[in-house]
Protein backbone atom coordinates (compact mmCIF):
# COMPACT_ATOMS: atom_id res chain seq x y z
CA MET A 1 30.29 18.93 -66.23
CA ARG A 2 31.58 21.07 -69.08
CA VAL A 3 35.29 21.87 -68.97
CA ALA A 4 37.11 24.22 -71.34
CA LEU A 5 40.80 23.69 -72.12
CA CYS A 6 42.33 26.98 -73.26
CA GLN A 7 45.52 26.32 -75.23
CA ILE A 8 47.41 29.61 -75.25
CA THR A 9 50.91 30.96 -75.84
CA SER A 10 52.11 32.80 -72.76
CA SER A 11 54.55 35.68 -73.02
CA ALA A 12 57.08 36.85 -70.42
CA ASP A 13 54.66 39.59 -69.28
CA PRO A 14 52.28 38.51 -66.47
CA ALA A 15 50.00 41.51 -67.05
CA ALA A 16 49.59 40.67 -70.73
CA ASN A 17 49.01 37.02 -69.85
CA LEU A 18 46.31 38.07 -67.39
CA ASP A 19 44.54 39.93 -70.19
CA LEU A 20 44.88 36.80 -72.34
CA LEU A 21 43.26 34.69 -69.61
CA ARG A 22 40.46 37.20 -69.25
CA GLY A 23 39.63 36.98 -72.93
CA GLN A 24 39.79 33.20 -72.99
CA VAL A 25 37.48 32.82 -69.99
CA ALA A 26 34.96 35.00 -71.79
CA ARG A 27 35.19 32.63 -74.79
CA ALA A 28 34.62 29.53 -72.65
CA GLU A 29 30.86 29.97 -72.64
CA GLY A 30 28.98 27.22 -70.86
CA ALA A 31 32.01 25.78 -69.10
CA ARG A 32 32.07 25.34 -65.33
CA VAL A 33 35.83 24.78 -65.15
CA VAL A 34 38.30 26.63 -67.39
CA LEU A 35 41.75 25.04 -67.57
CA PHE A 36 44.88 26.87 -68.71
CA PRO A 37 48.40 25.48 -69.18
CA GLU A 38 51.39 25.41 -66.91
CA ALA A 39 53.25 28.76 -66.91
CA ALA A 40 50.13 30.70 -67.89
CA MET A 41 51.42 33.52 -65.69
CA CYS A 42 54.80 33.70 -67.45
CA ARG A 43 56.53 31.49 -69.98
CA PHE A 44 59.70 29.57 -69.27
CA GLY A 45 63.01 30.87 -70.57
CA VAL A 46 63.17 33.98 -68.37
CA PRO A 47 64.10 34.43 -64.67
CA LEU A 48 61.08 33.31 -62.66
CA GLY A 49 61.99 34.78 -59.27
CA PRO A 50 61.04 38.35 -60.21
CA VAL A 51 57.55 37.35 -61.39
CA ALA A 52 56.66 34.93 -58.57
CA GLU A 53 53.84 36.03 -56.27
CA PRO A 54 52.00 34.34 -53.37
CA LEU A 55 48.50 32.99 -53.83
CA ASP A 56 47.12 36.12 -52.13
CA GLY A 57 49.15 38.39 -54.43
CA PRO A 58 47.75 40.60 -57.17
CA TRP A 59 48.04 38.16 -60.09
CA ALA A 60 46.21 35.25 -58.44
CA THR A 61 43.69 37.66 -56.90
CA ALA A 62 42.94 39.07 -60.35
CA VAL A 63 42.41 35.56 -61.71
CA ARG A 64 39.96 34.87 -58.88
CA GLU A 65 38.05 38.04 -59.77
CA ILE A 66 37.85 36.95 -63.42
CA ALA A 67 36.59 33.51 -62.36
CA ASP A 68 33.96 34.96 -60.04
CA GLU A 69 32.83 37.49 -62.65
CA HIS A 70 32.06 34.65 -65.06
CA GLY A 71 30.82 32.13 -62.49
CA VAL A 72 33.53 29.57 -63.26
CA VAL A 73 36.50 27.88 -61.64
CA VAL A 74 39.77 28.83 -63.32
CA VAL A 75 42.82 26.57 -63.19
CA ALA A 76 46.07 28.16 -64.37
CA GLY A 77 49.79 27.68 -63.94
CA MET A 78 51.73 30.36 -62.05
CA PHE A 79 54.87 30.72 -59.95
CA THR A 80 54.91 31.33 -56.20
CA PRO A 81 57.88 32.07 -53.91
CA ALA A 82 59.45 29.04 -52.23
CA PRO A 83 61.06 29.23 -48.76
CA ASP A 84 64.53 28.35 -50.05
CA GLY A 85 64.71 31.25 -52.50
CA ARG A 86 63.56 29.29 -55.52
CA VAL A 87 60.00 29.38 -56.80
CA ALA A 88 57.25 26.78 -56.77
CA ASN A 89 55.58 25.80 -60.04
CA THR A 90 52.01 26.20 -58.84
CA LEU A 91 48.72 25.23 -60.45
CA LEU A 92 46.20 27.76 -59.15
CA VAL A 93 42.55 26.75 -58.69
CA THR A 94 40.30 29.71 -58.01
CA GLY A 95 36.70 30.87 -58.16
CA GLY A 96 33.43 29.91 -56.51
CA GLY A 97 34.94 29.92 -53.03
CA LEU A 98 38.03 27.94 -54.04
CA HIS A 99 41.50 29.51 -53.92
CA VAL A 100 44.19 26.84 -53.59
CA GLY A 101 47.37 25.81 -55.32
CA TYR A 102 49.13 22.59 -56.20
CA ASP A 103 52.93 22.76 -56.26
CA LYS A 104 54.38 20.55 -58.98
CA ILE A 105 55.96 17.48 -57.38
CA HIS A 106 58.06 16.08 -60.25
CA LEU A 107 60.49 18.62 -61.67
CA PHE A 108 61.65 18.49 -65.27
CA ASP A 109 65.30 17.52 -64.90
CA ALA A 110 65.43 15.74 -68.25
CA PHE A 111 66.22 16.23 -71.93
CA GLY A 112 68.89 18.78 -71.08
CA PHE A 113 66.67 21.03 -68.95
CA THR A 114 67.08 21.36 -65.16
CA GLU A 115 63.93 22.81 -63.67
CA SER A 116 65.13 22.13 -60.13
CA LYS A 117 67.81 24.81 -60.42
CA THR A 118 65.18 27.48 -59.99
CA VAL A 119 62.06 25.57 -58.92
CA ALA A 120 61.48 23.80 -55.60
CA PRO A 121 59.40 20.60 -55.67
CA GLY A 122 56.01 20.24 -54.07
CA ALA A 123 55.30 17.38 -51.69
CA GLU A 124 51.57 16.64 -51.57
CA PRO A 125 48.95 15.55 -54.11
CA VAL A 126 45.99 17.91 -54.20
CA VAL A 127 42.33 17.35 -55.08
CA VAL A 128 39.47 19.86 -55.23
CA GLU A 129 35.72 19.42 -55.50
CA VAL A 130 33.56 21.36 -57.94
CA ASP A 131 29.81 20.74 -57.90
CA GLY A 132 30.25 17.24 -56.52
CA VAL A 133 33.01 16.20 -58.93
CA THR A 134 36.47 15.65 -57.46
CA PHE A 135 39.38 16.80 -59.60
CA GLY A 136 43.02 15.91 -59.09
CA LEU A 137 45.77 18.32 -60.11
CA ALA A 138 48.97 17.62 -62.02
CA THR A 139 51.55 19.56 -63.99
CA CYS A 140 53.51 18.60 -67.12
CA TYR A 141 56.35 16.21 -66.13
CA ASP A 142 54.01 14.70 -63.52
CA VAL A 143 52.34 12.86 -66.43
CA ARG A 144 55.33 10.48 -66.55
CA PHE A 145 54.59 9.21 -63.03
CA PRO A 146 51.58 6.87 -62.84
CA GLU A 147 51.77 6.64 -59.06
CA LEU A 148 50.66 10.26 -58.73
CA PHE A 149 47.56 9.68 -60.83
CA ARG A 150 46.68 6.59 -58.80
CA ALA A 151 47.19 8.59 -55.60
CA LEU A 152 44.77 11.21 -56.88
CA ALA A 153 42.23 8.50 -57.70
CA ASP A 154 42.67 7.12 -54.18
CA ARG A 155 41.79 10.60 -52.90
CA GLY A 156 38.54 10.45 -54.84
CA ALA A 157 39.50 12.09 -58.13
CA ALA A 158 37.27 11.23 -61.07
CA ALA A 159 39.28 13.50 -63.36
CA VAL A 160 42.76 15.00 -63.42
CA LEU A 161 43.36 18.55 -64.61
CA LEU A 162 46.83 18.58 -66.15
CA GLY A 163 48.52 21.83 -67.16
CA ALA A 164 51.66 21.59 -69.27
CA SER A 165 54.33 23.52 -71.11
CA TRP A 166 55.74 20.54 -72.96
CA GLY A 167 59.25 20.65 -74.33
CA ALA A 168 59.71 20.19 -78.06
CA GLY A 169 61.97 17.59 -79.65
CA PRO A 170 62.02 14.33 -81.60
CA GLY A 171 59.26 12.03 -80.44
CA LYS A 172 58.00 14.42 -77.78
CA ARG A 173 54.53 14.83 -79.29
CA GLU A 174 54.13 11.06 -79.51
CA GLN A 175 55.23 10.68 -75.89
CA TRP A 176 52.78 13.35 -74.75
CA GLU A 177 49.84 11.72 -76.50
CA LEU A 178 50.76 8.27 -75.23
CA LEU A 179 51.29 9.41 -71.65
CA VAL A 180 47.98 11.27 -71.41
CA ARG A 181 46.12 8.14 -72.53
CA ALA A 182 48.20 5.86 -70.30
CA ARG A 183 47.58 7.91 -67.18
CA ALA A 184 43.84 7.83 -67.85
CA LEU A 185 44.00 4.03 -68.04
CA ASP A 186 46.26 3.72 -64.99
CA SER A 187 43.81 5.63 -62.84
CA THR A 188 40.58 4.91 -64.75
CA SER A 189 39.97 8.66 -64.60
CA TRP A 190 39.34 11.41 -67.08
CA VAL A 191 42.57 13.21 -67.95
CA LEU A 192 42.17 16.75 -69.26
CA ALA A 193 45.58 17.82 -70.53
CA CYS A 194 46.00 21.46 -71.52
CA GLY A 195 49.34 22.49 -72.98
CA GLN A 196 50.92 25.69 -74.14
CA ALA A 197 50.48 26.20 -77.89
CA ASP A 198 53.59 25.94 -80.03
CA PRO A 199 55.17 29.42 -79.98
CA ALA A 200 57.13 28.67 -83.18
CA VAL A 201 60.09 30.40 -81.49
CA ASP A 202 63.03 28.84 -79.66
CA HIS A 203 63.39 30.52 -76.29
CA GLY A 204 66.85 29.17 -75.55
CA GLY A 205 65.73 25.56 -75.39
CA ALA A 206 63.18 26.25 -72.64
CA PRO A 207 60.04 24.05 -72.64
CA THR A 208 57.53 26.51 -74.04
CA GLY A 209 54.95 24.19 -75.55
CA ILE A 210 54.00 22.10 -78.55
CA GLY A 211 50.19 22.29 -78.31
CA TYR A 212 48.14 19.11 -78.80
CA SER A 213 45.96 19.50 -75.73
CA ALA A 214 43.77 16.44 -75.30
CA VAL A 215 41.05 14.83 -73.26
CA ALA A 216 41.25 11.10 -72.53
CA SER A 217 38.39 9.02 -71.14
CA PRO A 218 38.82 6.66 -68.16
CA LEU A 219 39.47 3.85 -70.65
CA GLY A 220 42.14 5.81 -72.52
CA GLU A 221 40.08 6.91 -75.51
CA VAL A 222 40.94 10.36 -76.88
CA VAL A 223 37.60 12.14 -77.02
CA GLY A 224 38.95 15.52 -78.12
CA SER A 225 42.21 17.18 -79.09
CA LEU A 226 43.76 20.31 -80.59
CA GLY A 227 46.63 20.93 -82.96
CA ALA A 228 49.72 23.05 -82.40
CA GLU A 229 48.00 26.44 -82.61
CA PRO A 230 46.09 28.29 -79.88
CA GLY A 231 42.50 27.16 -79.42
CA VAL A 232 39.77 26.11 -77.01
CA LEU A 233 38.70 22.50 -76.49
CA PHE A 234 35.48 21.65 -74.67
CA ALA A 235 34.83 18.37 -72.88
CA GLU A 236 31.98 16.86 -70.89
CA VAL A 237 33.18 15.09 -67.75
CA ASP A 238 30.91 12.83 -65.73
CA GLN A 239 31.24 10.55 -62.73
CA ALA A 240 29.06 7.81 -64.28
CA THR A 241 31.64 7.06 -66.98
CA VAL A 242 34.31 6.72 -64.30
CA ASP A 243 32.18 4.39 -62.21
CA GLN A 244 31.43 2.22 -65.25
CA ALA A 245 35.12 2.06 -66.22
CA ARG A 246 36.17 1.10 -62.70
CA ARG A 247 33.63 -1.71 -62.60
CA ALA A 248 34.75 -3.06 -65.96
CA LEU A 249 38.48 -2.52 -65.36
CA PRO A 250 39.11 -2.56 -61.58
CA VAL A 251 42.86 -1.93 -61.75
CA LEU A 252 42.76 0.27 -58.67
CA ALA A 253 40.97 -2.39 -56.61
CA ASN A 254 43.15 -5.19 -58.01
CA ARG A 255 46.50 -3.60 -57.09
CA ARG A 256 48.80 -5.72 -54.93
CA LEU A 257 51.75 -3.33 -54.68
C-alpha cells in the first residue's frame, strides 16, 4: 500500500491549514493513505482552546470531504475539546467510511514544556484497517514509549502512523531518528513518522517541528526520509515484510514480561 507523508509547516490559522492540506492531498498522487503531522490543524505556541472542535465539527468534516474527493484516507493532527476544559491532542483518521480519532496518551511534559497544562491525555490505543492493512496510531512523544507500539502490534497493527511536531534542541534530531527506528524494531512493524517541517522561527519555545520525517521498516531500516524543509515522502507498506520480520525476529512472541 502506498502511503504519502506530507511534511508541512502549520500556521495558527485552521482555515489556512485546511487549504494547505487540500493542496498536499492533491500532490499525493497514487497514495491510499495520506499522513500529516501532529498539530496540522493549528501549530503549538498559541491558545488551543479557541480552535478545538469535535470530530463532527467543520474542520474535521472538511478534511473528510477532501479525503473522499480524492479517494484516500487522510490522517492529520487536530485538537478536540476535552471534558475537563482542556483539549485533546487528536490524530484524525478520515475518508473511505472511516472517521475516528486517537487522543494522544503520553503528553510532552519534558524539556521545559508542559503539554498537560492545556491538553488532557487519552487513554486507549487505537488501530484502524485500510484495505486489509491494520494501522496503529501514535503522536509525537508517544514514540518514547515502546509499550504503546507493542500494544498496537498486539492489536494487529502491521504499521504505525506517527504524527509529530518535534521540539528543537541539542540532540533532538538524533533522538527522533533513533526512536523511530527503535520503535519499528520493538514492534517489528513499519513506522511512518511524519513531522512538522522546521519553521525556522521560535514560537516562544513551543515544539513546532524540526522536519526529518522518516519511514522505518519492521527491522529498523530507514527506507526513506526528508530534510528540514516541507516535502512529501512516499512509502510502500506491505504485510509480507512484517510477517517475514516477525518470523526472523519473534520479539513479540518471545516476551516474558
